[in-house]
Amino acid sequence: MESKGNRMAGYLSGIFAGVSYGMNPLFAKHLFAAGVSVDTMLFLRYFIGVLIFGAWIVVRKRQLRLRANQIELIVLLSILFAMSSLLLFDAYDFIPSGVATAIVFLYPVFTALIMLFVGVRPDRRNWIAIAATFAGVVIMGLPSKGGAALRWQGMLLSALSGLSYAFYLVTVNRSRRLRDVKVDTLTFYVLLFGSAVFLVHHAAKGGSLFAGLTPQTVQGGYSTLSVWLNIVGLSVFPTIIALLTLSYSTRTIGPVKTSILGVFEPVTAMLIGTLLFGEKLTVNIVAGITIAVAAVVFMVAGGGKSQEKGESGAE
């Protein structure tokens, strides 16, 4: 039986994952301003993570060998995780980032529906928390009066990003094939194969992979040092730390609860925008944060009585 200590560690890891993912704007806004493309940003974000994790695995003497059936599943996970990032960044071309973040937070609903499809029924407390957190994030992301019109392309890309992320969470939790794969080893391969996705996407679009990275191409008055420091920060916080804590939380408390705790991602992103980038703090944001955090507290308070059975059993 799972101990209360492990369960609490799972909740804390889920919160850390959400906060870490929410730090994306802290680094990405500077990189966009310096002229770094989405593909370059995401490729380097993942590839630096591969180097750091590779060094960690060598030092800890972790086993990197995988069975053939594990490799094919991890490749699928890598594509799902990479596409969730790529689709969201692409959505920013069509709709405001706050609205895109709100739409992506459909993923707790997607996660619960996928779990229902594989025979796992979230309890009533989780359904209430899902509904409340989604409502809170929608309120946060509502455009202000006179704001930009919402284009269907951006809404669709954001929803697909959330769906891709939901499938990633469920697969990590449900697959027996990955039971003997350590979290750091899984993360290493997800980053490795994921970085290849961005290279393929960049090759299809064309253009220079190094725009914004050299003294001749850096824009906005940034230095190459500041650009690379932001790239490293993007790789460490919303990538390495986020993936580790996400994997641990998903395996400990299940994908539905972990996805609900992901509410801290848009909360963190919006607070960073308000406090560090001078974005307007509206009544919608305050009300949405209050509702979402209250829903998380409601869910965690009943964590010991969850009826979410069989989360870690199936393929």
C-alpha atoms as a PDB file:
ATOM      1  CA  MET A   1       0.000   0.000   0.000  1.00  0.00           C
ATOM      2  CA  GLU A   2       1.272   3.453  -0.898  1.00  0.00           C
ATOM      3  CA  SER A   3       2.455   5.448   2.148  1.00  0.00           C
ATOM      4  CA  LYS A   4       1.183   8.897   3.036  1.00  0.00           C
ATOM      5  CA  GLY A   5       4.750  10.211   2.661  1.00  0.00           C
ATOM      6  CA  ASN A   6       5.035   8.925  -0.913  1.00  0.00           C
ATOM      7  CA  ARG A   7       1.636  10.333  -1.743  1.00  0.00           C
ATOM      8  CA  MET A   8       2.588  13.769  -0.409  1.00  0.00           C
ATOM      9  CA  ALA A   9       5.875  13.632  -2.337  1.00  0.00           C
ATOM     10  CA  GLY A  10       3.813  12.882  -5.445  1.00  0.00           C
ATOM     11  CA  TYR A  11       1.624  15.929  -4.863  1.00  0.00           C
ATOM     12  CA  LEU A  12       4.637  18.177  -4.230  1.00  0.00           C
ATOM     13  CA  SER A  13       6.330  16.841  -7.365  1.00  0.00           C
ATOM     14  CA  GLY A  14       3.201  17.604  -9.389  1.00  0.00           C
ATOM     15  CA  ILE A  15       3.196  21.179  -8.058  1.00  0.00           C
ATOM     16  CA  PHE A  16       6.920  21.548  -8.852  1.00  0.00           C
ATOM     17  CA  ALA A  17       6.268  20.254 -12.379  1.00  0.00           C
ATOM     18  CA  GLY A  18       3.528  22.823 -12.956  1.00  0.00           C
ATOM     19  CA  VAL A  19       5.601  25.708 -11.571  1.00  0.00           C
ATOM     20  CA  SER A  20       8.639  24.641 -13.609  1.00  0.00           C
ATOM     21  CA  TYR A  21       6.652  24.453 -16.852  1.00  0.00           C
ATOM     22  CA  GLY A  22       5.156  27.840 -16.032  1.00  0.00           C
ATOM     23  CA  MET A  23       8.632  29.383 -16.108  1.00  0.00           C
ATOM     24  CA  ASN A  24       8.713  29.101 -19.923  1.00  0.00           C
ATOM     25  CA  PRO A  25       7.915  32.820 -20.485  1.00  0.00           C
ATOM     26  CA  LEU A  26      10.733  33.832 -18.119  1.00  0.00           C
ATOM     27  CA  PHE A  27      13.257  32.644 -20.705  1.00  0.00           C
ATOM     28  CA  ALA A  28      11.280  32.368 -23.950  1.00  0.00           C
ATOM     29  CA  LYS A  29      10.234  36.028 -24.095  1.00  0.00           C
ATOM     30  CA  HIS A  30      13.877  37.142 -24.089  1.00  0.00           C
ATOM     31  CA  LEU A  31      14.801  34.552 -26.723  1.00  0.00           C
ATOM     32  CA  PHE A  32      11.954  35.606 -29.034  1.00  0.00           C
ATOM     33  CA  ALA A  33      13.058  39.223 -28.665  1.00  0.00           C
ATOM     34  CA  ALA A  34      16.631  38.229 -29.556  1.00  0.00           C
ATOM     35  CA  GLY A  35      15.440  36.625 -32.802  1.00  0.00           C
ATOM     36  CA  VAL A  36      15.667  32.940 -31.849  1.00  0.00           C
ATOM     37  CA  SER A  37      13.124  30.790 -33.727  1.00  0.00           C
ATOM     38  CA  VAL A  38      10.726  28.345 -32.067  1.00  0.00           C
ATOM     39  CA  ASP A  39      12.445  25.302 -33.602  1.00  0.00           C
ATOM     40  CA  THR A  40      15.901  26.479 -32.515  1.00  0.00           C
ATOM     41  CA  MET A  41      14.686  27.293 -29.033  1.00  0.00           C
ATOM     42  CA  LEU A  42      12.978  23.946 -28.523  1.00  0.00           C
ATOM     43  CA  PHE A  43      15.769  21.919 -30.119  1.00  0.00           C
ATOM     44  CA  LEU A  44      18.456  23.483 -27.889  1.00  0.00           C
ATOM     45  CA  ARG A  45      16.174  23.259 -24.868  1.00  0.00           C
ATOM     46  CA  TYR A  46      15.927  19.497 -25.318  1.00  0.00           C
ATOM     47  CA  PHE A  47      19.481  18.870 -26.566  1.00  0.00           C
ATOM     48  CA  ILE A  48      21.149  20.634 -23.633  1.00  0.00           C
ATOM     49  CA  GLY A  49      18.909  18.553 -21.393  1.00  0.00           C
ATOM     50  CA  VAL A  50      20.229  15.430 -23.134  1.00  0.00           C
ATOM     51  CA  LEU A  51      23.836  16.476 -22.398  1.00  0.00           C
ATOM     52  CA  ILE A  52      23.092  17.242 -18.741  1.00  0.00           C
ATOM     53  CA  PHE A  53      21.155  14.034 -18.235  1.00  0.00           C
ATOM     54  CA  GLY A  54      23.781  12.036 -20.087  1.00  0.00           C
ATOM     55  CA  ALA A  55      26.460  13.309 -17.715  1.00  0.00           C
ATOM     56  CA  TRP A  56      24.231  12.569 -14.705  1.00  0.00           C
ATOM     57  CA  ILE A  57      23.542   9.033 -15.888  1.00  0.00           C
ATOM     58  CA  VAL A  58      27.248   8.344 -16.468  1.00  0.00           C
ATOM     59  CA  VAL A  59      28.144   9.625 -12.985  1.00  0.00           C
ATOM     60  CA  ARG A  60      25.347   7.602 -11.354  1.00  0.00           C
ATOM     61  CA  LYS A  61      26.153   4.579 -13.560  1.00  0.00           C
ATOM     62  CA  ARG A  62      22.551   4.208 -14.626  1.00  0.00           C
ATOM     63  CA  GLN A  63      21.512   1.545 -17.112  1.00  0.00           C
ATOM     64  CA  LEU A  64      20.712   3.010 -20.531  1.00  0.00           C
ATOM     65  CA  ARG A  65      20.013  -0.252 -22.298  1.00  0.00           C
ATOM     66  CA  LEU A  66      16.425  -0.678 -23.423  1.00  0.00           C
ATOM     67  CA  ARG A  67      14.458  -3.568 -24.863  1.00  0.00           C
ATOM     68  CA  ALA A  68      13.174  -3.197 -28.407  1.00  0.00           C
ATOM     69  CA  ASN A  69       9.544  -2.875 -27.286  1.00  0.00           C
ATOM     70  CA  GLN A  70      10.576  -0.169 -24.807  1.00  0.00           C
ATOM     71  CA  ILE A  71      12.379   1.852 -27.479  1.00  0.00           C
ATOM     72  CA  GLU A  72       9.346   2.055 -29.742  1.00  0.00           C
ATOM     73  CA  LEU A  73       7.153   3.179 -26.853  1.00  0.00           C
ATOM     74  CA  ILE A  74       9.651   5.816 -25.685  1.00  0.00           C
ATOM     75  CA  VAL A  75       9.888   7.145 -29.248  1.00  0.00           C
ATOM     76  CA  LEU A  76       6.102   7.560 -29.173  1.00  0.00           C
ATOM     77  CA  LEU A  77       6.315   9.335 -25.799  1.00  0.00           C
ATOM     78  CA  SER A  78       9.010  11.634 -27.166  1.00  0.00           C
ATOM     79  CA  ILE A  79       6.860  12.600 -30.144  1.00  0.00           C
ATOM     80  CA  LEU A  80       3.861  13.259 -27.888  1.00  0.00           C
ATOM     81  CA  PHE A  81       5.859  15.416 -25.488  1.00  0.00           C
ATOM     82  CA  ALA A  82       7.662  17.328 -28.248  1.00  0.00           C
ATOM     83  CA  MET A  83       4.432  17.954 -30.150  1.00  0.00           C
ATOM     84  CA  SER A  84       2.749  19.334 -27.034  1.00  0.00           C
ATOM     85  CA  SER A  85       5.475  22.012 -26.885  1.00  0.00           C
ATOM     86  CA  LEU A  86       5.561  22.676 -30.625  1.00  0.00           C
ATOM     87  CA  LEU A  87       1.797  22.949 -31.063  1.00  0.00           C
ATOM     88  CA  LEU A  88       1.523  25.398 -28.163  1.00  0.00           C
ATOM     89  CA  PHE A  89       4.309  27.651 -29.456  1.00  0.00           C
ATOM     90  CA  ASP A  90       2.754  27.561 -32.930  1.00  0.00           C
ATOM     91  CA  ALA A  91      -0.601  28.573 -31.416  1.00  0.00           C
ATOM     92  CA  TYR A  92       0.973  31.820 -30.218  1.00  0.00           C
ATOM     93  CA  ASP A  93       0.994  32.977 -33.864  1.00  0.00           C
ATOM     94  CA  PHE A  94      -2.817  32.981 -33.901  1.00  0.00           C
ATOM     95  CA  ILE A  95      -4.116  33.758 -30.388  1.00  0.00           C
ATOM     96  CA  PRO A  96      -2.825  35.457 -27.208  1.00  0.00           C
ATOM     97  CA  SER A  97      -0.560  33.264 -25.096  1.00  0.00           C
ATOM     98  CA  GLY A  98      -2.849  33.511 -22.047  1.00  0.00           C
ATOM     99  CA  VAL A  99      -5.806  32.200 -24.026  1.00  0.00           C
ATOM    100  CA  ALA A 100      -3.644  29.447 -25.539  1.00  0.00           C
ATOM    101  CA  THR A 101      -2.530  28.388 -22.056  1.00  0.00           C
ATOM    102  CA  ALA A 102      -6.138  28.259 -20.901  1.00  0.00           C
ATOM    103  CA  ILE A 103      -7.155  26.055 -23.829  1.00  0.00           C
ATOM    104  CA  VAL A 104      -4.191  23.722 -23.275  1.00  0.00           C
ATOM    105  CA  PHE A 105      -5.549  23.169 -19.796  1.00  0.00           C
ATOM    106  CA  LEU A 106      -8.225  21.008 -21.344  1.00  0.00           C
ATOM    107  CA  TYR A 107      -5.653  18.243 -20.756  1.00  0.00           C
ATOM    108  CA  PRO A 108      -6.974  17.241 -17.292  1.00  0.00           C
ATOM    109  CA  VAL A 109     -10.336  16.614 -18.973  1.00  0.00           C
ATOM    110  CA  PHE A 110      -8.645  14.725 -21.823  1.00  0.00           C
ATOM    111  CA  THR A 111      -6.633  12.706 -19.277  1.00  0.00           C
ATOM    112  CA  ALA A 112      -9.723  11.720 -17.304  1.00  0.00           C
ATOM    113  CA  LEU A 113     -11.584  10.745 -20.498  1.00  0.00           C
ATOM    114  CA  ILE A 114      -8.654   8.651 -21.732  1.00  0.00           C
ATOM    115  CA  MET A 115      -8.467   6.934 -18.340  1.00  0.00           C
ATOM    116  CA  LEU A 116     -12.181   6.178 -18.562  1.00  0.00           C
ATOM    117  CA  PHE A 117     -11.583   4.611 -21.979  1.00  0.00           C
ATOM    118  CA  VAL A 118      -8.942   2.243 -20.503  1.00  0.00           C
ATOM    119  CA  GLY A 119     -11.182   1.275 -17.599  1.00  0.00           C
ATOM    120  CA  VAL A 120     -10.098   3.650 -14.818  1.00  0.00           C
ATOM    121  CA  ARG A 121     -12.755   5.811 -13.203  1.00  0.00           C
ATOM    122  CA  PRO A 122     -11.657   9.003 -11.453  1.00  0.00           C
ATOM    123  CA  ASP A 123     -13.703   9.625  -8.311  1.00  0.00           C
ATOM    124  CA  ARG A 124     -16.191  12.447  -7.884  1.00  0.00           C
ATOM    125  CA  ARG A 125     -13.691  14.631  -6.019  1.00  0.00           C
ATOM    126  CA  ASN A 126     -11.296  14.477  -8.969  1.00  0.00           C
ATOM    127  CA  TRP A 127     -14.061  15.326 -11.460  1.00  0.00           C
ATOM    128  CA  ILE A 128     -15.044  18.355  -9.380  1.00  0.00           C
ATOM    129  CA  ALA A 129     -11.394  19.436  -9.187  1.00  0.00           C
ATOM    130  CA  ILE A 130     -10.977  18.985 -12.954  1.00  0.00           C
ATOM    131  CA  ALA A 131     -14.037  21.110 -13.686  1.00  0.00           C
ATOM    132  CA  ALA A 132     -13.020  23.825 -11.228  1.00  0.00           C
ATOM    133  CA  THR A 133      -9.391  24.053 -12.327  1.00  0.00           C
ATOM    134  CA  PHE A 134     -10.396  24.228 -15.980  1.00  0.00           C
ATOM    135  CA  ALA A 135     -12.963  26.923 -15.195  1.00  0.00           C
ATOM    136  CA  GLY A 136     -10.330  28.867 -13.264  1.00  0.00           C
ATOM    137  CA  VAL A 137      -7.819  28.732 -16.111  1.00  0.00           C
ATOM    138  CA  VAL A 138     -10.471  29.702 -18.678  1.00  0.00           C
ATOM    139  CA  ILE A 139     -11.315  32.736 -16.550  1.00  0.00           C
ATOM    140  CA  MET A 140      -7.600  33.618 -16.325  1.00  0.00           C
ATOM    141  CA  GLY A 141      -7.210  33.437 -20.087  1.00  0.00           C
ATOM    142  CA  LEU A 142     -10.307  35.429 -21.046  1.00  0.00           C
ATOM    143  CA  PRO A 143      -9.237  38.298 -23.320  1.00  0.00           C
ATOM    144  CA  SER A 144      -9.849  41.799 -22.051  1.00  0.00           C
ATOM    145  CA  LYS A 145     -12.344  44.119 -23.691  1.00  0.00           C
ATOM    146  CA  GLY A 146     -11.090  45.153 -27.101  1.00  0.00           C
ATOM    147  CA  GLY A 147      -8.495  42.372 -27.130  1.00  0.00           C
ATOM    148  CA  ALA A 148      -7.364  40.286 -30.072  1.00  0.00           C
ATOM    149  CA  ALA A 149      -9.923  38.116 -31.863  1.00  0.00           C
ATOM    150  CA  LEU A 150      -9.607  34.376 -31.311  1.00  0.00           C
ATOM    151  CA  ARG A 151      -8.720  32.537 -34.519  1.00  0.00           C
ATOM    152  CA  TRP A 152      -9.802  28.916 -34.840  1.00  0.00           C
ATOM    153  CA  GLN A 153      -6.316  27.796 -35.945  1.00  0.00           C
ATOM    154  CA  GLY A 154      -4.808  28.850 -32.626  1.00  0.00           C
ATOM    155  CA  MET A 155      -7.617  27.318 -30.610  1.00  0.00           C
ATOM    156  CA  LEU A 156      -7.250  24.022 -32.474  1.00  0.00           C
ATOM    157  CA  LEU A 157      -3.457  23.953 -32.060  1.00  0.00           C
ATOM    158  CA  SER A 158      -3.784  24.660 -28.332  1.00  0.00           C
ATOM    159  CA  ALA A 159      -6.377  21.903 -27.872  1.00  0.00           C
ATOM    160  CA  LEU A 160      -4.177  19.436 -29.771  1.00  0.00           C
ATOM    161  CA  SER A 161      -1.265  20.425 -27.543  1.00  0.00           C
ATOM    162  CA  GLY A 162      -3.345  19.562 -24.482  1.00  0.00           C
ATOM    163  CA  LEU A 163      -4.471  16.263 -26.024  1.00  0.00           C
ATOM    164  CA  SER A 164      -0.877  15.282 -26.841  1.00  0.00           C
ATOM    165  CA  TYR A 165       0.192  16.047 -23.278  1.00  0.00           C
ATOM    166  CA  ALA A 166      -2.702  14.007 -21.861  1.00  0.00           C
ATOM    167  CA  PHE A 167      -1.691  10.962 -23.905  1.00  0.00           C
ATOM    168  CA  TYR A 168       1.893  11.382 -22.630  1.00  0.00           C
ATOM    169  CA  LEU A 169       0.737  11.395 -18.986  1.00  0.00           C
ATOM    170  CA  VAL A 170      -1.486   8.348 -19.374  1.00  0.00           C
ATOM    171  CA  THR A 171       1.142   6.335 -21.280  1.00  0.00           C
ATOM    172  CA  VAL A 172       3.852   7.019 -18.677  1.00  0.00           C
ATOM    173  CA  ASN A 173       1.526   5.824 -15.946  1.00  0.00           C
ATOM    174  CA  ARG A 174      -0.168   2.892 -17.636  1.00  0.00           C
ATOM    175  CA  SER A 175       2.527   1.042 -19.563  1.00  0.00           C
ATOM    176  CA  ARG A 176       3.960  -2.109 -17.966  1.00  0.00           C
ATOM    177  CA  ARG A 177       6.811  -1.995 -20.472  1.00  0.00           C
ATOM    178  CA  LEU A 178       8.298   1.041 -18.747  1.00  0.00           C
ATOM    179  CA  ARG A 179       7.993  -0.194 -15.159  1.00  0.00           C
ATOM    180  CA  ASP A 180      11.694  -1.083 -14.901  1.00  0.00           C
ATOM    181  CA  VAL A 181      12.918   2.096 -16.647  1.00  0.00           C
ATOM    182  CA  LYS A 182      14.274   4.652 -14.160  1.00  0.00           C
ATOM    183  CA  VAL A 183      12.772   8.150 -14.280  1.00  0.00           C
ATOM    184  CA  ASP A 184      16.072   9.803 -15.256  1.00  0.00           C
ATOM    185  CA  THR A 185      16.698   7.221 -18.000  1.00  0.00           C
ATOM    186  CA  LEU A 186      13.184   7.731 -19.372  1.00  0.00           C
ATOM    187  CA  THR A 187      13.694  11.495 -19.301  1.00  0.00           C
ATOM    188  CA  PHE A 188      17.025  11.203 -21.122  1.00  0.00           C
ATOM    189  CA  TYR A 189      15.467   9.300 -24.026  1.00  0.00           C
ATOM    190  CA  VAL A 190      12.351  11.507 -24.192  1.00  0.00           C
ATOM    191  CA  LEU A 191      14.626  14.547 -24.567  1.00  0.00           C
ATOM    192  CA  LEU A 192      16.929  12.799 -27.047  1.00  0.00           C
ATOM    193  CA  PHE A 193      14.207  11.634 -29.423  1.00  0.00           C
ATOM    194  CA  GLY A 194      12.200  14.816 -28.844  1.00  0.00           C
ATOM    195  CA  SER A 195      15.082  17.008 -30.013  1.00  0.00           C
ATOM    196  CA  ALA A 196      15.040  15.061 -33.303  1.00  0.00           C
ATOM    197  CA  VAL A 197      11.380  16.041 -33.792  1.00  0.00           C
ATOM    198  CA  PHE A 198      12.322  19.728 -33.780  1.00  0.00           C
ATOM    199  CA  LEU A 199      15.171  19.172 -36.234  1.00  0.00           C
ATOM    200  CA  VAL A 200      12.800  17.444 -38.655  1.00  0.00           C
ATOM    201  CA  HIS A 201      10.233  20.213 -38.224  1.00  0.00           C
ATOM    202  CA  HIS A 202      12.893  22.863 -38.843  1.00  0.00           C
ATOM    203  CA  ALA A 203      14.171  21.087 -41.948  1.00  0.00           C
ATOM    204  CA  ALA A 204      10.629  21.039 -43.338  1.00  0.00           C
ATOM    205  CA  LYS A 205      10.175  24.773 -42.729  1.00  0.00           C
ATOM    206  CA  GLY A 206      13.671  25.862 -43.816  1.00  0.00           C
ATOM    207  CA  GLY A 207      15.687  28.841 -42.606  1.00  0.00           C
ATOM    208  CA  SER A 208      18.774  29.153 -40.411  1.00  0.00           C
ATOM    209  CA  LEU A 209      18.940  27.068 -37.240  1.00  0.00           C
ATOM    210  CA  PHE A 210      21.440  29.525 -35.733  1.00  0.00           C
ATOM    211  CA  ALA A 211      19.478  32.765 -36.138  1.00  0.00           C
ATOM    212  CA  GLY A 212      19.677  34.777 -32.924  1.00  0.00           C
ATOM    213  CA  LEU A 213      22.573  32.734 -31.523  1.00  0.00           C
ATOM    214  CA  THR A 214      25.582  34.491 -33.042  1.00  0.00           C
ATOM    215  CA  PRO A 215      26.777  38.116 -32.616  1.00  0.00           C
ATOM    216  CA  GLN A 216      25.783  38.849 -36.221  1.00  0.00           C
ATOM    217  CA  THR A 217      22.189  37.614 -35.814  1.00  0.00           C
ATOM    218  CA  VAL A 218      21.250  38.565 -32.230  1.00  0.00           C
ATOM    219  CA  GLN A 219      18.500  41.219 -32.176  1.00  0.00           C
ATOM    220  CA  GLY A 220      16.979  43.557 -29.614  1.00  0.00           C
ATOM    221  CA  GLY A 221      20.233  44.645 -28.010  1.00  0.00           C
ATOM    222  CA  TYR A 222      20.854  41.259 -26.389  1.00  0.00           C
ATOM    223  CA  SER A 223      24.329  39.744 -26.058  1.00  0.00           C
ATOM    224  CA  THR A 224      25.159  36.205 -27.123  1.00  0.00           C
ATOM    225  CA  LEU A 225      25.944  35.435 -23.465  1.00  0.00           C
ATOM    226  CA  SER A 226      22.471  36.481 -22.308  1.00  0.00           C
ATOM    227  CA  VAL A 227      20.891  34.467 -25.132  1.00  0.00           C
ATOM    228  CA  TRP A 228      22.743  31.303 -24.151  1.00  0.00           C
ATOM    229  CA  LEU A 229      22.048  31.833 -20.443  1.00  0.00           C
ATOM    230  CA  ASN A 230      18.331  31.996 -21.264  1.00  0.00           C
ATOM    231  CA  ILE A 231      18.611  28.842 -23.360  1.00  0.00           C
ATOM    232  CA  VAL A 232      20.295  26.994 -20.472  1.00  0.00           C
ATOM    233  CA  GLY A 233      17.604  28.265 -18.084  1.00  0.00           C
ATOM    234  CA  LEU A 234      14.902  27.084 -20.479  1.00  0.00           C
ATOM    235  CA  SER A 235      16.565  23.663 -20.591  1.00  0.00           C
ATOM    236  CA  VAL A 236      17.034  23.277 -16.832  1.00  0.00           C
ATOM    237  CA  PHE A 237      13.821  24.603 -15.269  1.00  0.00           C
ATOM    238  CA  PRO A 238      10.849  24.010 -17.615  1.00  0.00           C
ATOM    239  CA  THR A 239      12.483  20.935 -19.138  1.00  0.00           C
ATOM    240  CA  ILE A 240      14.755  18.837 -16.904  1.00  0.00           C
ATOM    241  CA  ILE A 241      13.239  19.680 -13.518  1.00  0.00           C
ATOM    242  CA  ALA A 242       9.738  19.649 -14.961  1.00  0.00           C
ATOM    243  CA  LEU A 243      10.140  16.263 -16.650  1.00  0.00           C
ATOM    244  CA  LEU A 244      11.660  14.600 -13.575  1.00  0.00           C
ATOM    245  CA  THR A 245       8.979  15.845 -11.216  1.00  0.00           C
ATOM    246  CA  LEU A 246       6.238  15.117 -13.758  1.00  0.00           C
ATOM    247  CA  SER A 247       7.340  11.504 -14.199  1.00  0.00           C
ATOM    248  CA  TYR A 248       7.638  10.920 -10.445  1.00  0.00           C
ATOM    249  CA  SER A 249       4.260  12.512  -9.726  1.00  0.00           C
ATOM    250  CA  THR A 250       2.509  10.575 -12.507  1.00  0.00           C
ATOM    251  CA  ARG A 251       3.883   7.255 -11.264  1.00  0.00           C
ATOM    252  CA  THR A 252       3.072   8.056  -7.619  1.00  0.00           C
ATOM    253  CA  ILE A 253      -0.383   9.650  -7.601  1.00  0.00           C
ATOM    254  CA  GLY A 254      -1.576   8.910 -11.150  1.00  0.00           C
ATOM    255  CA  PRO A 255      -2.028  10.951 -14.320  1.00  0.00           C
ATOM    256  CA  VAL A 256      -5.403  12.493 -13.453  1.00  0.00           C
ATOM    257  CA  LYS A 257      -4.247  14.109 -10.207  1.00  0.00           C
ATOM    258  CA  THR A 258      -0.918  15.092 -11.761  1.00  0.00           C
ATOM    259  CA  SER A 259      -2.742  16.803 -14.624  1.00  0.00           C
ATOM    260  CA  ILE A 260      -4.918  18.730 -12.144  1.00  0.00           C
ATOM    261  CA  LEU A 261      -1.801  19.935 -10.319  1.00  0.00           C
ATOM    262  CA  GLY A 262      -0.623  21.248 -13.686  1.00  0.00           C
ATOM    263  CA  VAL A 263      -2.842  24.262 -12.930  1.00  0.00           C
ATOM    264  CA  PHE A 264       0.297  25.789 -11.420  1.00  0.00           C
ATOM    265  CA  GLU A 265       1.726  26.093 -14.951  1.00  0.00           C
ATOM    266  CA  PRO A 266      -0.623  28.842 -16.222  1.00  0.00           C
ATOM    267  CA  VAL A 267      -0.736  30.419 -12.751  1.00  0.00           C
ATOM    268  CA  THR A 268       3.065  30.703 -12.709  1.00  0.00           C
ATOM    269  CA  ALA A 269       3.237  31.905 -16.314  1.00  0.00           C
ATOM    270  CA  MET A 270       0.693  34.639 -15.735  1.00  0.00           C
ATOM    271  CA  LEU A 271       2.325  35.776 -12.487  1.00  0.00           C
ATOM    272  CA  ILE A 272       5.701  35.986 -14.251  1.00  0.00           C
ATOM    273  CA  GLY A 273       4.138  38.045 -17.021  1.00  0.00           C
ATOM    274  CA  THR A 274       2.550  40.386 -14.494  1.00  0.00           C
ATOM    275  CA  LEU A 275       5.439  40.780 -12.042  1.00  0.00           C
ATOM    276  CA  LEU A 276       8.427  40.682 -14.400  1.00  0.00           C
ATOM    277  CA  PHE A 277       7.156  41.812 -17.801  1.00  0.00           C
ATOM    278  CA  GLY A 278       4.624  44.425 -16.770  1.00  0.00           C
ATOM    279  CA  GLU A 279       1.598  42.602 -18.149  1.00  0.00           C
ATOM    280  CA  LYS A 280      -1.701  43.784 -16.715  1.00  0.00           C
ATOM    281  CA  LEU A 281      -3.062  41.934 -13.653  1.00  0.00           C
ATOM    282  CA  THR A 282      -6.802  41.795 -14.267  1.00  0.00           C
ATOM    283  CA  VAL A 283      -9.736  40.761 -12.117  1.00  0.00           C
ATOM    284  CA  ASN A 284     -10.066  37.696 -14.387  1.00  0.00           C
ATOM    285  CA  ILE A 285      -6.531  36.554 -13.504  1.00  0.00           C
ATOM    286  CA  VAL A 286      -7.036  37.016  -9.752  1.00  0.00           C
ATOM    287  CA  ALA A 287     -10.413  35.233  -9.812  1.00  0.00           C
ATOM    288  CA  GLY A 288      -9.067  32.391 -11.968  1.00  0.00           C
ATOM    289  CA  ILE A 289      -6.016  31.810  -9.760  1.00  0.00           C
ATOM    290  CA  THR A 290      -8.222  31.765  -6.647  1.00  0.00           C
ATOM    291  CA  ILE A 291     -10.641  29.202  -8.121  1.00  0.00           C
ATOM    292  CA  ALA A 292      -7.870  26.972  -9.512  1.00  0.00           C
ATOM    293  CA  VAL A 293      -5.792  26.884  -6.328  1.00  0.00           C
ATOM    294  CA  ALA A 294      -8.910  26.221  -4.220  1.00  0.00           C
ATOM    295  CA  ALA A 295      -9.726  23.270  -6.488  1.00  0.00           C
ATOM    296  CA  VAL A 296      -6.231  21.823  -6.048  1.00  0.00           C
ATOM    297  CA  VAL A 297      -6.466  22.149  -2.248  1.00  0.00           C
ATOM    298  CA  PHE A 298      -9.874  20.445  -2.408  1.00  0.00           C
ATOM    299  CA  MET A 299      -8.433  17.515  -4.364  1.00  0.00           C
ATOM    300  CA  VAL A 300      -5.300  17.090  -2.225  1.00  0.00           C
ATOM    301  CA  ALA A 301      -7.320  17.222   0.996  1.00  0.00           C
ATOM    302  CA  GLY A 302      -9.142  14.059  -0.098  1.00  0.00           C
ATOM    303  CA  GLY A 303      -6.105  12.352  -1.604  1.00  0.00           C
ATOM    304  CA  GLY A 304      -6.098   9.499   0.864  1.00  0.00           C
ATOM    305  CA  LYS A 305      -9.615   8.435  -0.111  1.00  0.00           C
ATOM    306  CA  SER A 306      -9.195   8.335  -3.860  1.00  0.00           C
ATOM    307  CA  GLN A 307     -11.189   5.724  -5.731  1.00  0.00           C
ATOM    308  CA  GLU A 308      -9.062   6.044  -8.831  1.00  0.00           C
ATOM    309  CA  LYS A 309      -8.372   2.312  -9.145  1.00  0.00           C
ATOM    310  CA  GLY A 310      -6.041   0.481 -11.437  1.00  0.00           C
ATOM    311  CA  GLU A 311      -4.058   3.477 -12.640  1.00  0.00           C
ATOM    312  CA  SER A 312      -0.818   1.624 -13.040  1.00  0.00           C
ATOM    313  CA  GLY A 313      -1.912  -1.686 -14.375  1.00  0.00           C
ATOM    314  CA  ALA A 314      -2.524  -1.782 -18.102  1.00  0.00           C
ATOM    315  CA  GLU A 315      -0.431  -1.546 -21.214  1.00  0.00           C
END
